[in-house]
Amino acid sequence: MQKAVVFDVGRVLFQWQLRALFEKLIDDRGELDWFLANVVTEEWHFGHDRGRALADMVAERIAVFPQYEMLIRAYAARFNETVPGPVAGSHELVRRLAATGVPLFCLTNFGDELWQIFRPTQPIFDLFNDIVVSGIEKVAKPDPRIYEITEMRSGRSGDALFFTDDNPDNIAAAKARGWDAHLFTDAATLESALTGAGLL
């Protein structure tokens, strides 16, 4: 069976920074840093990745930080502004792989509702055979169950899957299942790994 490549999305295919949105909305640098460390944090955001409803999360956060209601609502309404653009070089690798017929998949920790907003804006995803989204499955990396779902959806397992992700815990979980897993640092290093695996 032909080996497939599985990409993470955030910080592999696309830059992702909560700061990219909120630096437009909070002028004071100290307040911005405090807000991102205590109010709209990455850990809080990951609750949506794991399947929590956005409306529930936003309402609960506003109850704790009512003075920041408008900013918390902006997180949901303007989420796409937390994605400044593609990771340099990654989309070119996707296009090269697709052009040679390599099967492509995504395995992403991404909230269902925010994914429905983000996905239509990015035609690069049209090149993928399938995309496994944690918020839809209600289980997130590095839980082994989402890797099993990816195996079922791709029809492959073990070293028939080449996986790249920027999170060491997610890479370790993939390696535990026998995947050919490579920690993403930049597109040039990934290109070398793909070439070494005979995929480019």
N, C-alpha and C. Protein backbone atom coordinates (compact mmCIF):
# COMPACT_ATOMS: atom_id res chain seq x y z
N MET A 1 0.84 -1.20 0.00
CA MET A 1 0.00 0.00 0.00
C MET A 1 0.88 1.25 0.00
N GLN A 2 0.47 2.23 -0.79
CA GLN A 2 1.25 3.47 -0.88
C GLN A 2 1.24 4.21 0.45
N LYS A 3 2.39 4.68 0.84
CA LYS A 3 2.52 5.43 2.09
C LYS A 3 1.79 6.76 1.97
N ALA A 4 1.12 7.17 3.04
CA ALA A 4 0.40 8.45 3.07
C ALA A 4 1.11 9.41 4.00
N VAL A 5 0.87 10.70 3.78
CA VAL A 5 1.43 11.74 4.64
C VAL A 5 0.28 12.40 5.40
N VAL A 6 0.47 12.51 6.71
CA VAL A 6 -0.53 13.11 7.60
C VAL A 6 0.07 14.39 8.19
N PHE A 7 -0.58 15.50 7.92
CA PHE A 7 -0.13 16.80 8.41
C PHE A 7 -0.98 17.26 9.59
N ASP A 8 -0.32 17.84 10.58
CA ASP A 8 -1.01 18.70 11.54
C ASP A 8 -1.36 19.99 10.81
N VAL A 9 -2.25 20.80 11.39
CA VAL A 9 -2.63 22.07 10.75
C VAL A 9 -1.96 23.26 11.44
N GLY A 10 -2.29 23.50 12.71
CA GLY A 10 -1.77 24.66 13.40
C GLY A 10 -0.27 24.57 13.64
N ARG A 11 0.45 25.58 13.17
CA ARG A 11 1.90 25.71 13.31
C ARG A 11 2.68 24.70 12.49
N VAL A 12 1.98 24.01 11.59
CA VAL A 12 2.63 23.17 10.58
C VAL A 12 2.22 23.66 9.19
N LEU A 13 0.92 23.72 8.94
CA LEU A 13 0.43 24.29 7.68
C LEU A 13 0.13 25.78 7.81
N PHE A 14 -0.37 26.18 8.98
CA PHE A 14 -0.75 27.58 9.19
C PHE A 14 -0.18 28.09 10.51
N GLN A 15 0.27 29.34 10.49
CA GLN A 15 0.64 30.01 11.73
C GLN A 15 -0.62 30.15 12.59
N TRP A 16 -0.43 30.09 13.90
CA TRP A 16 -1.56 30.32 14.80
C TRP A 16 -1.07 31.04 16.04
N GLN A 17 -1.64 32.22 16.28
CA GLN A 17 -1.25 33.03 17.43
C GLN A 17 -2.48 33.81 17.92
N LEU A 18 -2.93 33.54 19.12
CA LEU A 18 -4.01 34.35 19.69
C LEU A 18 -3.62 35.82 19.72
N ARG A 19 -2.35 36.08 19.92
CA ARG A 19 -1.86 37.45 19.98
C ARG A 19 -2.13 38.21 18.68
N ALA A 20 -2.13 37.52 17.56
CA ALA A 20 -2.32 38.19 16.27
C ALA A 20 -3.65 38.92 16.20
N LEU A 21 -4.67 38.39 16.86
CA LEU A 21 -5.96 39.08 16.94
C LEU A 21 -5.95 40.14 18.03
N PHE A 22 -5.54 39.75 19.23
CA PHE A 22 -5.77 40.63 20.38
C PHE A 22 -4.81 41.81 20.45
N GLU A 23 -3.70 41.75 19.73
CA GLU A 23 -2.84 42.93 19.70
C GLU A 23 -3.49 44.06 18.90
N LYS A 24 -4.50 43.73 18.10
CA LYS A 24 -5.27 44.75 17.39
C LYS A 24 -6.29 45.42 18.31
N LEU A 25 -6.63 44.75 19.40
CA LEU A 25 -7.74 45.17 20.24
C LEU A 25 -7.31 45.70 21.60
N ILE A 26 -6.10 45.38 22.03
CA ILE A 26 -5.60 45.82 23.33
C ILE A 26 -4.31 46.60 23.09
N ASP A 27 -4.33 47.88 23.37
CA ASP A 27 -3.18 48.73 23.08
C ASP A 27 -2.04 48.56 24.08
N ASP A 28 -2.38 48.36 25.34
CA ASP A 28 -1.36 48.29 26.39
C ASP A 28 -0.69 46.92 26.39
N ARG A 29 0.62 46.88 26.21
CA ARG A 29 1.35 45.61 26.09
C ARG A 29 1.23 44.77 27.36
N GLY A 30 1.31 45.41 28.51
CA GLY A 30 1.19 44.67 29.76
C GLY A 30 -0.18 44.04 29.92
N GLU A 31 -1.22 44.79 29.58
CA GLU A 31 -2.58 44.24 29.67
C GLU A 31 -2.77 43.12 28.66
N LEU A 32 -2.21 43.27 27.46
CA LEU A 32 -2.31 42.22 26.44
C LEU A 32 -1.67 40.93 26.94
N ASP A 33 -0.48 41.03 27.50
CA ASP A 33 0.20 39.84 28.01
C ASP A 33 -0.62 39.18 29.12
N TRP A 34 -1.19 40.00 30.02
CA TRP A 34 -1.99 39.46 31.12
C TRP A 34 -3.25 38.78 30.59
N PHE A 35 -3.89 39.41 29.62
CA PHE A 35 -5.12 38.86 29.04
C PHE A 35 -4.86 37.49 28.41
N LEU A 36 -3.77 37.37 27.67
CA LEU A 36 -3.45 36.11 27.00
C LEU A 36 -2.97 35.04 27.98
N ALA A 37 -2.48 35.45 29.13
CA ALA A 37 -2.02 34.49 30.13
C ALA A 37 -3.13 34.05 31.07
N ASN A 38 -4.23 34.84 31.14
CA ASN A 38 -5.25 34.57 32.16
C ASN A 38 -6.68 34.48 31.65
N VAL A 39 -6.99 35.10 30.53
CA VAL A 39 -8.39 35.16 30.08
C VAL A 39 -8.58 34.27 28.86
N VAL A 40 -8.19 34.73 27.70
CA VAL A 40 -8.24 33.89 26.49
C VAL A 40 -6.86 33.26 26.33
N THR A 41 -6.71 32.10 26.94
CA THR A 41 -5.43 31.38 26.94
C THR A 41 -5.49 30.22 25.94
N GLU A 42 -4.32 29.72 25.58
CA GLU A 42 -4.30 28.56 24.69
C GLU A 42 -4.95 27.36 25.36
N GLU A 43 -4.71 27.16 26.65
CA GLU A 43 -5.29 26.02 27.34
C GLU A 43 -6.82 26.11 27.36
N TRP A 44 -7.35 27.31 27.59
CA TRP A 44 -8.81 27.49 27.53
C TRP A 44 -9.32 27.20 26.12
N HIS A 45 -8.65 27.71 25.13
CA HIS A 45 -9.02 27.47 23.73
C HIS A 45 -9.06 25.97 23.42
N PHE A 46 -8.14 25.20 23.99
CA PHE A 46 -8.07 23.77 23.69
C PHE A 46 -9.32 23.03 24.16
N GLY A 47 -10.10 23.63 25.06
CA GLY A 47 -11.37 23.01 25.43
C GLY A 47 -12.27 22.85 24.22
N HIS A 48 -12.27 23.82 23.32
CA HIS A 48 -13.07 23.72 22.09
C HIS A 48 -12.48 22.65 21.17
N ASP A 49 -11.16 22.58 21.12
CA ASP A 49 -10.52 21.52 20.33
C ASP A 49 -10.97 20.14 20.80
N ARG A 50 -11.20 20.02 22.11
CA ARG A 50 -11.59 18.72 22.67
C ARG A 50 -13.08 18.46 22.58
N GLY A 51 -13.85 19.42 22.01
CA GLY A 51 -15.25 19.15 21.75
C GLY A 51 -16.25 19.97 22.53
N ARG A 52 -15.79 20.89 23.38
CA ARG A 52 -16.73 21.73 24.12
C ARG A 52 -17.38 22.75 23.18
N ALA A 53 -18.65 23.06 23.44
CA ALA A 53 -19.38 24.03 22.62
C ALA A 53 -18.84 25.43 22.86
N LEU A 54 -18.67 26.16 21.79
CA LEU A 54 -18.11 27.51 21.87
C LEU A 54 -18.99 28.43 22.71
N ALA A 55 -20.29 28.34 22.54
CA ALA A 55 -21.20 29.22 23.29
C ALA A 55 -21.06 29.01 24.79
N ASP A 56 -20.92 27.75 25.21
CA ASP A 56 -20.76 27.46 26.63
C ASP A 56 -19.45 28.02 27.16
N MET A 57 -18.39 27.82 26.40
CA MET A 57 -17.08 28.31 26.83
C MET A 57 -17.06 29.82 26.97
N VAL A 58 -17.62 30.50 25.97
CA VAL A 58 -17.62 31.97 25.98
C VAL A 58 -18.45 32.50 27.14
N ALA A 59 -19.63 31.92 27.36
CA ALA A 59 -20.49 32.37 28.45
C ALA A 59 -19.82 32.18 29.81
N GLU A 60 -19.19 31.03 29.98
CA GLU A 60 -18.51 30.76 31.25
C GLU A 60 -17.35 31.73 31.48
N ARG A 61 -16.63 32.04 30.42
CA ARG A 61 -15.48 32.93 30.57
C ARG A 61 -15.93 34.36 30.88
N ILE A 62 -17.01 34.78 30.24
CA ILE A 62 -17.54 36.12 30.50
C ILE A 62 -18.01 36.24 31.94
N ALA A 63 -18.57 35.15 32.48
CA ALA A 63 -19.02 35.17 33.87
C ALA A 63 -17.85 35.39 34.83
N VAL A 64 -16.68 34.89 34.46
CA VAL A 64 -15.49 35.04 35.31
C VAL A 64 -14.82 36.39 35.09
N PHE A 65 -14.81 36.85 33.83
CA PHE A 65 -14.13 38.10 33.46
C PHE A 65 -15.10 39.03 32.73
N PRO A 66 -16.14 39.52 33.42
CA PRO A 66 -17.16 40.33 32.73
C PRO A 66 -16.61 41.61 32.12
N GLN A 67 -15.52 42.13 32.67
CA GLN A 67 -14.94 43.36 32.13
C GLN A 67 -14.34 43.14 30.74
N TYR A 68 -14.14 41.88 30.36
CA TYR A 68 -13.55 41.57 29.05
C TYR A 68 -14.56 40.93 28.10
N GLU A 69 -15.85 41.17 28.34
CA GLU A 69 -16.87 40.51 27.52
C GLU A 69 -16.66 40.73 26.03
N MET A 70 -16.43 41.96 25.61
CA MET A 70 -16.30 42.24 24.18
C MET A 70 -15.10 41.51 23.58
N LEU A 71 -14.01 41.43 24.32
CA LEU A 71 -12.82 40.76 23.82
C LEU A 71 -13.01 39.25 23.76
N ILE A 72 -13.68 38.69 24.75
CA ILE A 72 -13.94 37.24 24.74
C ILE A 72 -14.85 36.89 23.57
N ARG A 73 -15.84 37.73 23.31
CA ARG A 73 -16.72 37.47 22.16
C ARG A 73 -15.95 37.63 20.84
N ALA A 74 -14.96 38.49 20.82
CA ALA A 74 -14.15 38.66 19.62
C ALA A 74 -13.37 37.39 19.29
N TYR A 75 -12.97 36.65 20.31
CA TYR A 75 -12.27 35.38 20.08
C TYR A 75 -13.09 34.47 19.18
N ALA A 76 -14.39 34.37 19.45
CA ALA A 76 -15.25 33.51 18.64
C ALA A 76 -15.59 34.15 17.29
N ALA A 77 -15.89 35.45 17.31
CA ALA A 77 -16.36 36.11 16.09
C ALA A 77 -15.25 36.37 15.09
N ARG A 78 -14.01 36.54 15.58
CA ARG A 78 -12.91 36.94 14.71
C ARG A 78 -11.76 35.94 14.76
N PHE A 79 -12.10 34.67 15.00
CA PHE A 79 -11.06 33.66 15.18
C PHE A 79 -10.08 33.60 14.01
N ASN A 80 -10.56 33.75 12.79
CA ASN A 80 -9.67 33.62 11.64
C ASN A 80 -8.51 34.61 11.68
N GLU A 81 -8.67 35.69 12.44
CA GLU A 81 -7.59 36.66 12.56
C GLU A 81 -6.47 36.18 13.48
N THR A 82 -6.67 35.03 14.15
CA THR A 82 -5.58 34.44 14.93
C THR A 82 -4.66 33.61 14.03
N VAL A 83 -5.00 33.52 12.75
CA VAL A 83 -4.20 32.78 11.77
C VAL A 83 -3.59 33.79 10.80
N PRO A 84 -2.36 34.24 11.06
CA PRO A 84 -1.77 35.29 10.22
C PRO A 84 -1.50 34.86 8.78
N GLY A 85 -1.32 33.56 8.56
CA GLY A 85 -1.04 33.09 7.21
C GLY A 85 -0.42 31.71 7.23
N PRO A 86 -0.01 31.20 6.08
CA PRO A 86 0.61 29.87 6.01
C PRO A 86 1.98 29.85 6.69
N VAL A 87 2.38 28.68 7.12
CA VAL A 87 3.76 28.47 7.55
C VAL A 87 4.62 28.44 6.29
N ALA A 88 5.69 29.19 6.28
CA ALA A 88 6.53 29.33 5.09
C ALA A 88 6.98 27.98 4.56
N GLY A 89 6.69 27.74 3.28
CA GLY A 89 7.16 26.55 2.60
C GLY A 89 6.29 25.32 2.72
N SER A 90 5.39 25.27 3.70
CA SER A 90 4.62 24.05 3.93
C SER A 90 3.62 23.77 2.81
N HIS A 91 2.95 24.82 2.33
CA HIS A 91 1.95 24.58 1.29
C HIS A 91 2.59 24.10 -0.01
N GLU A 92 3.79 24.57 -0.28
CA GLU A 92 4.50 24.10 -1.47
C GLU A 92 4.78 22.60 -1.36
N LEU A 93 5.13 22.14 -0.17
CA LEU A 93 5.36 20.70 0.01
C LEU A 93 4.07 19.92 -0.22
N VAL A 94 2.96 20.43 0.29
CA VAL A 94 1.67 19.76 0.06
C VAL A 94 1.38 19.66 -1.43
N ARG A 95 1.59 20.75 -2.15
CA ARG A 95 1.31 20.74 -3.59
C ARG A 95 2.22 19.77 -4.33
N ARG A 96 3.47 19.70 -3.94
CA ARG A 96 4.39 18.76 -4.60
C ARG A 96 3.99 17.32 -4.33
N LEU A 97 3.61 17.02 -3.11
CA LEU A 97 3.16 15.67 -2.78
C LEU A 97 1.89 15.32 -3.55
N ALA A 98 0.95 16.25 -3.58
CA ALA A 98 -0.31 16.00 -4.29
C ALA A 98 -0.07 15.78 -5.78
N ALA A 99 0.87 16.51 -6.35
CA ALA A 99 1.14 16.42 -7.78
C ALA A 99 1.68 15.05 -8.18
N THR A 100 2.31 14.37 -7.23
CA THR A 100 2.86 13.04 -7.53
C THR A 100 1.94 11.92 -7.04
N GLY A 101 0.75 12.29 -6.55
CA GLY A 101 -0.23 11.28 -6.18
C GLY A 101 -0.08 10.69 -4.80
N VAL A 102 0.72 11.30 -3.94
CA VAL A 102 0.85 10.80 -2.57
C VAL A 102 -0.45 11.08 -1.82
N PRO A 103 -1.04 10.08 -1.18
CA PRO A 103 -2.27 10.32 -0.41
C PRO A 103 -1.98 11.25 0.76
N LEU A 104 -2.86 12.23 0.95
CA LEU A 104 -2.65 13.26 1.97
C LEU A 104 -3.83 13.30 2.94
N PHE A 105 -3.49 13.43 4.22
CA PHE A 105 -4.49 13.53 5.28
C PHE A 105 -4.06 14.61 6.26
N CYS A 106 -5.03 15.13 6.99
CA CYS A 106 -4.74 16.01 8.13
C CYS A 106 -5.28 15.37 9.39
N LEU A 107 -4.54 15.56 10.47
CA LEU A 107 -4.99 15.19 11.81
C LEU A 107 -4.77 16.42 12.67
N THR A 108 -5.86 17.10 13.03
CA THR A 108 -5.73 18.40 13.67
C THR A 108 -6.55 18.52 14.94
N ASN A 109 -5.95 19.13 15.95
CA ASN A 109 -6.71 19.58 17.12
C ASN A 109 -7.32 20.93 16.76
N PHE A 110 -8.60 20.91 16.47
CA PHE A 110 -9.29 22.12 16.00
C PHE A 110 -10.75 22.00 16.41
N GLY A 111 -11.31 23.05 17.00
CA GLY A 111 -12.71 23.01 17.40
C GLY A 111 -13.64 22.92 16.20
N ASP A 112 -14.72 22.19 16.36
CA ASP A 112 -15.67 21.96 15.27
C ASP A 112 -16.21 23.27 14.70
N GLU A 113 -16.73 24.13 15.57
CA GLU A 113 -17.37 25.36 15.09
C GLU A 113 -16.37 26.30 14.43
N LEU A 114 -15.19 26.41 15.02
CA LEU A 114 -14.17 27.28 14.42
C LEU A 114 -13.64 26.68 13.12
N TRP A 115 -13.58 25.35 13.05
CA TRP A 115 -13.15 24.70 11.81
C TRP A 115 -14.13 25.01 10.68
N GLN A 116 -15.42 25.03 10.97
CA GLN A 116 -16.42 25.31 9.94
C GLN A 116 -16.28 26.73 9.39
N ILE A 117 -15.72 27.63 10.21
CA ILE A 117 -15.47 29.00 9.77
C ILE A 117 -14.17 29.09 8.97
N PHE A 118 -13.15 28.37 9.45
CA PHE A 118 -11.81 28.48 8.86
C PHE A 118 -11.66 27.68 7.58
N ARG A 119 -12.16 26.46 7.56
CA ARG A 119 -11.93 25.54 6.43
C ARG A 119 -12.31 26.14 5.07
N PRO A 120 -13.48 26.79 4.93
CA PRO A 120 -13.86 27.28 3.59
C PRO A 120 -12.94 28.38 3.05
N THR A 121 -12.14 28.99 3.92
CA THR A 121 -11.27 30.08 3.46
C THR A 121 -9.95 29.59 2.90
N GLN A 122 -9.70 28.27 2.99
CA GLN A 122 -8.37 27.75 2.66
C GLN A 122 -8.45 26.62 1.62
N PRO A 123 -8.31 26.94 0.35
CA PRO A 123 -8.43 25.91 -0.69
C PRO A 123 -7.34 24.85 -0.65
N ILE A 124 -6.25 25.07 0.09
CA ILE A 124 -5.20 24.05 0.18
C ILE A 124 -5.78 22.73 0.70
N PHE A 125 -6.83 22.81 1.52
CA PHE A 125 -7.41 21.59 2.08
C PHE A 125 -8.11 20.73 1.03
N ASP A 126 -8.40 21.31 -0.13
CA ASP A 126 -9.01 20.53 -1.20
C ASP A 126 -8.07 19.44 -1.71
N LEU A 127 -6.78 19.57 -1.43
CA LEU A 127 -5.80 18.59 -1.89
C LEU A 127 -5.72 17.36 -0.99
N PHE A 128 -6.42 17.39 0.14
CA PHE A 128 -6.33 16.29 1.10
C PHE A 128 -7.46 15.29 0.89
N ASN A 129 -7.11 14.01 1.05
CA ASN A 129 -8.10 12.94 0.91
C ASN A 129 -9.15 13.00 2.02
N ASP A 130 -8.69 13.34 3.23
CA ASP A 130 -9.60 13.39 4.38
C ASP A 130 -8.92 14.21 5.48
N ILE A 131 -9.74 14.77 6.37
CA ILE A 131 -9.23 15.59 7.47
C ILE A 131 -9.93 15.15 8.75
N VAL A 132 -9.15 14.72 9.71
CA VAL A 132 -9.68 14.29 11.01
C VAL A 132 -9.56 15.47 11.97
N VAL A 133 -10.70 15.93 12.48
CA VAL A 133 -10.77 17.15 13.30
C VAL A 133 -11.19 16.76 14.71
N SER A 134 -10.37 17.13 15.68
CA SER A 134 -10.62 16.70 17.06
C SER A 134 -11.97 17.15 17.59
N GLY A 135 -12.37 18.38 17.27
CA GLY A 135 -13.62 18.90 17.79
C GLY A 135 -14.84 18.15 17.28
N ILE A 136 -14.73 17.59 16.08
CA ILE A 136 -15.81 16.78 15.53
C ILE A 136 -15.82 15.40 16.19
N GLU A 137 -14.63 14.84 16.37
CA GLU A 137 -14.51 13.50 16.96
C GLU A 137 -14.66 13.53 18.48
N LYS A 138 -14.49 14.73 19.07
CA LYS A 138 -14.55 14.92 20.52
C LYS A 138 -13.48 14.12 21.26
N VAL A 139 -12.34 14.05 20.63
CA VAL A 139 -11.14 13.49 21.25
C VAL A 139 -9.95 14.12 20.54
N ALA A 140 -8.93 14.49 21.30
CA ALA A 140 -7.82 15.27 20.74
C ALA A 140 -6.49 14.56 20.93
N LYS A 141 -5.54 14.89 20.07
CA LYS A 141 -4.17 14.44 20.26
C LYS A 141 -3.67 14.93 21.62
N PRO A 142 -2.90 14.15 22.34
CA PRO A 142 -2.29 12.88 21.96
C PRO A 142 -3.06 11.63 22.38
N ASP A 143 -4.36 11.73 22.59
CA ASP A 143 -5.15 10.55 22.95
C ASP A 143 -5.05 9.51 21.83
N PRO A 144 -4.71 8.27 22.16
CA PRO A 144 -4.56 7.24 21.12
C PRO A 144 -5.80 7.04 20.26
N ARG A 145 -6.97 7.38 20.79
CA ARG A 145 -8.20 7.12 20.03
C ARG A 145 -8.27 7.92 18.74
N ILE A 146 -7.71 9.14 18.73
CA ILE A 146 -7.82 9.93 17.50
C ILE A 146 -6.83 9.43 16.45
N TYR A 147 -5.75 8.80 16.89
CA TYR A 147 -4.83 8.16 15.94
C TYR A 147 -5.49 6.92 15.34
N GLU A 148 -6.22 6.20 16.16
CA GLU A 148 -6.95 5.03 15.66
C GLU A 148 -8.00 5.45 14.63
N ILE A 149 -8.69 6.55 14.90
CA ILE A 149 -9.68 7.07 13.94
C ILE A 149 -8.99 7.40 12.62
N THR A 150 -7.82 8.02 12.69
CA THR A 150 -7.08 8.37 11.48
C THR A 150 -6.67 7.12 10.71
N GLU A 151 -6.27 6.08 11.42
CA GLU A 151 -5.92 4.82 10.76
C GLU A 151 -7.12 4.24 10.04
N MET A 152 -8.26 4.27 10.69
CA MET A 152 -9.48 3.73 10.07
C MET A 152 -9.87 4.54 8.84
N ARG A 153 -9.80 5.86 8.95
CA ARG A 153 -10.23 6.73 7.85
C ARG A 153 -9.26 6.68 6.67
N SER A 154 -7.98 6.49 6.96
CA SER A 154 -6.98 6.46 5.89
C SER A 154 -6.78 5.07 5.31
N GLY A 155 -7.25 4.06 6.04
CA GLY A 155 -7.04 2.68 5.61
C GLY A 155 -5.60 2.23 5.75
N ARG A 156 -4.87 2.87 6.65
CA ARG A 156 -3.45 2.57 6.84
C ARG A 156 -3.11 2.57 8.32
N SER A 157 -1.99 1.94 8.64
CA SER A 157 -1.51 1.95 10.02
C SER A 157 0.00 1.81 10.00
N GLY A 158 0.60 1.93 11.19
CA GLY A 158 2.04 1.74 11.31
C GLY A 158 2.84 2.65 10.40
N ASP A 159 3.92 2.11 9.83
CA ASP A 159 4.80 2.96 9.04
C ASP A 159 4.28 3.24 7.63
N ALA A 160 3.03 2.86 7.36
CA ALA A 160 2.38 3.30 6.13
C ALA A 160 1.87 4.74 6.26
N LEU A 161 2.07 5.32 7.46
CA LEU A 161 1.67 6.71 7.71
C LEU A 161 2.90 7.52 8.12
N PHE A 162 3.18 8.55 7.34
CA PHE A 162 4.22 9.52 7.67
C PHE A 162 3.50 10.72 8.28
N PHE A 163 3.84 11.06 9.52
CA PHE A 163 3.11 12.09 10.27
C PHE A 163 4.06 13.19 10.68
N THR A 164 3.60 14.44 10.55
CA THR A 164 4.38 15.56 11.05
C THR A 164 3.50 16.47 11.89
N ASP A 165 4.06 16.90 13.04
CA ASP A 165 3.33 17.70 14.02
C ASP A 165 4.38 18.50 14.79
N ASP A 166 3.99 19.67 15.30
CA ASP A 166 4.95 20.50 16.02
C ASP A 166 5.00 20.20 17.52
N ASN A 167 4.14 19.31 18.00
CA ASN A 167 4.06 19.02 19.43
C ASN A 167 4.74 17.68 19.73
N PRO A 168 5.78 17.68 20.56
CA PRO A 168 6.49 16.42 20.84
C PRO A 168 5.59 15.33 21.43
N ASP A 169 4.60 15.70 22.24
CA ASP A 169 3.70 14.69 22.81
C ASP A 169 2.89 14.00 21.72
N ASN A 170 2.47 14.76 20.72
CA ASN A 170 1.70 14.18 19.62
C ASN A 170 2.56 13.26 18.76
N ILE A 171 3.82 13.63 18.60
CA ILE A 171 4.76 12.78 17.86
C ILE A 171 5.01 11.48 18.62
N ALA A 172 5.19 11.58 19.93
CA ALA A 172 5.43 10.38 20.73
C ALA A 172 4.25 9.42 20.65
N ALA A 173 3.03 9.96 20.67
CA ALA A 173 1.84 9.12 20.58
C ALA A 173 1.77 8.41 19.23
N ALA A 174 2.17 9.11 18.17
CA ALA A 174 2.17 8.50 16.84
C ALA A 174 3.23 7.40 16.75
N LYS A 175 4.40 7.68 17.28
CA LYS A 175 5.47 6.67 17.26
C LYS A 175 5.08 5.43 18.04
N ALA A 176 4.31 5.62 19.11
CA ALA A 176 3.86 4.48 19.91
C ALA A 176 2.97 3.54 19.10
N ARG A 177 2.36 4.07 18.04
CA ARG A 177 1.52 3.24 17.16
C ARG A 177 2.29 2.77 15.94
N GLY A 178 3.58 3.06 15.90
CA GLY A 178 4.41 2.60 14.79
C GLY A 178 4.44 3.51 13.59
N TRP A 179 3.84 4.72 13.72
CA TRP A 179 3.86 5.65 12.60
C TRP A 179 5.28 6.18 12.38
N ASP A 180 5.55 6.56 11.16
CA ASP A 180 6.81 7.23 10.80
C ASP A 180 6.59 8.71 11.11
N ALA A 181 6.96 9.13 12.32
CA ALA A 181 6.57 10.45 12.82
C ALA A 181 7.77 11.37 12.95
N HIS A 182 7.59 12.62 12.50
CA HIS A 182 8.68 13.60 12.47
C HIS A 182 8.22 14.91 13.10
N LEU A 183 8.96 15.37 14.09
CA LEU A 183 8.64 16.64 14.75
C LEU A 183 8.89 17.79 13.78
N PHE A 184 7.86 18.61 13.57
CA PHE A 184 7.97 19.73 12.64
C PHE A 184 8.68 20.89 13.30
N THR A 185 9.70 21.41 12.61
CA THR A 185 10.36 22.64 13.03
C THR A 185 10.28 23.70 11.93
N ASP A 186 10.46 23.26 10.68
CA ASP A 186 10.34 24.17 9.54
C ASP A 186 10.19 23.33 8.28
N ALA A 187 9.81 23.99 7.20
CA ALA A 187 9.52 23.26 5.96
C ALA A 187 10.76 22.62 5.35
N ALA A 188 11.90 23.27 5.49
CA ALA A 188 13.12 22.71 4.90
C ALA A 188 13.49 21.38 5.56
N THR A 189 13.37 21.32 6.89
CA THR A 189 13.67 20.07 7.59
C THR A 189 12.65 19.00 7.24
N LEU A 190 11.39 19.39 7.12
CA LEU A 190 10.36 18.43 6.71
C LEU A 190 10.62 17.92 5.30
N GLU A 191 11.02 18.80 4.41
CA GLU A 191 11.33 18.38 3.04
C GLU A 191 12.41 17.31 3.04
N SER A 192 13.44 17.49 3.85
CA SER A 192 14.51 16.49 3.93
C SER A 192 13.98 15.15 4.44
N ALA A 193 13.10 15.21 5.45
CA ALA A 193 12.54 13.97 5.99
C ALA A 193 11.65 13.27 4.97
N LEU A 194 10.85 14.04 4.25
CA LEU A 194 10.00 13.45 3.21
C LEU A 194 10.84 12.84 2.09
N THR A 195 11.91 13.51 1.74
CA THR A 195 12.80 12.98 0.71
C THR A 195 13.45 11.68 1.18
N GLY A 196 13.89 11.68 2.44
CA GLY A 196 14.50 10.48 3.00
C GLY A 196 13.55 9.31 3.05
N ALA A 197 12.25 9.60 3.19
CA ALA A 197 11.24 8.55 3.23
C ALA A 197 10.78 8.12 1.84
N GLY A 198 11.36 8.74 0.81
CA GLY A 198 11.01 8.39 -0.57
C GLY A 198 9.69 8.97 -1.03
N LEU A 199 9.24 10.03 -0.36
CA LEU A 199 7.94 10.62 -0.69
C LEU A 199 8.06 11.85 -1.59
N LEU A 200 9.24 12.41 -1.68
CA LEU A 200 9.50 13.54 -2.58
C LEU A 200 10.68 13.19 -3.49
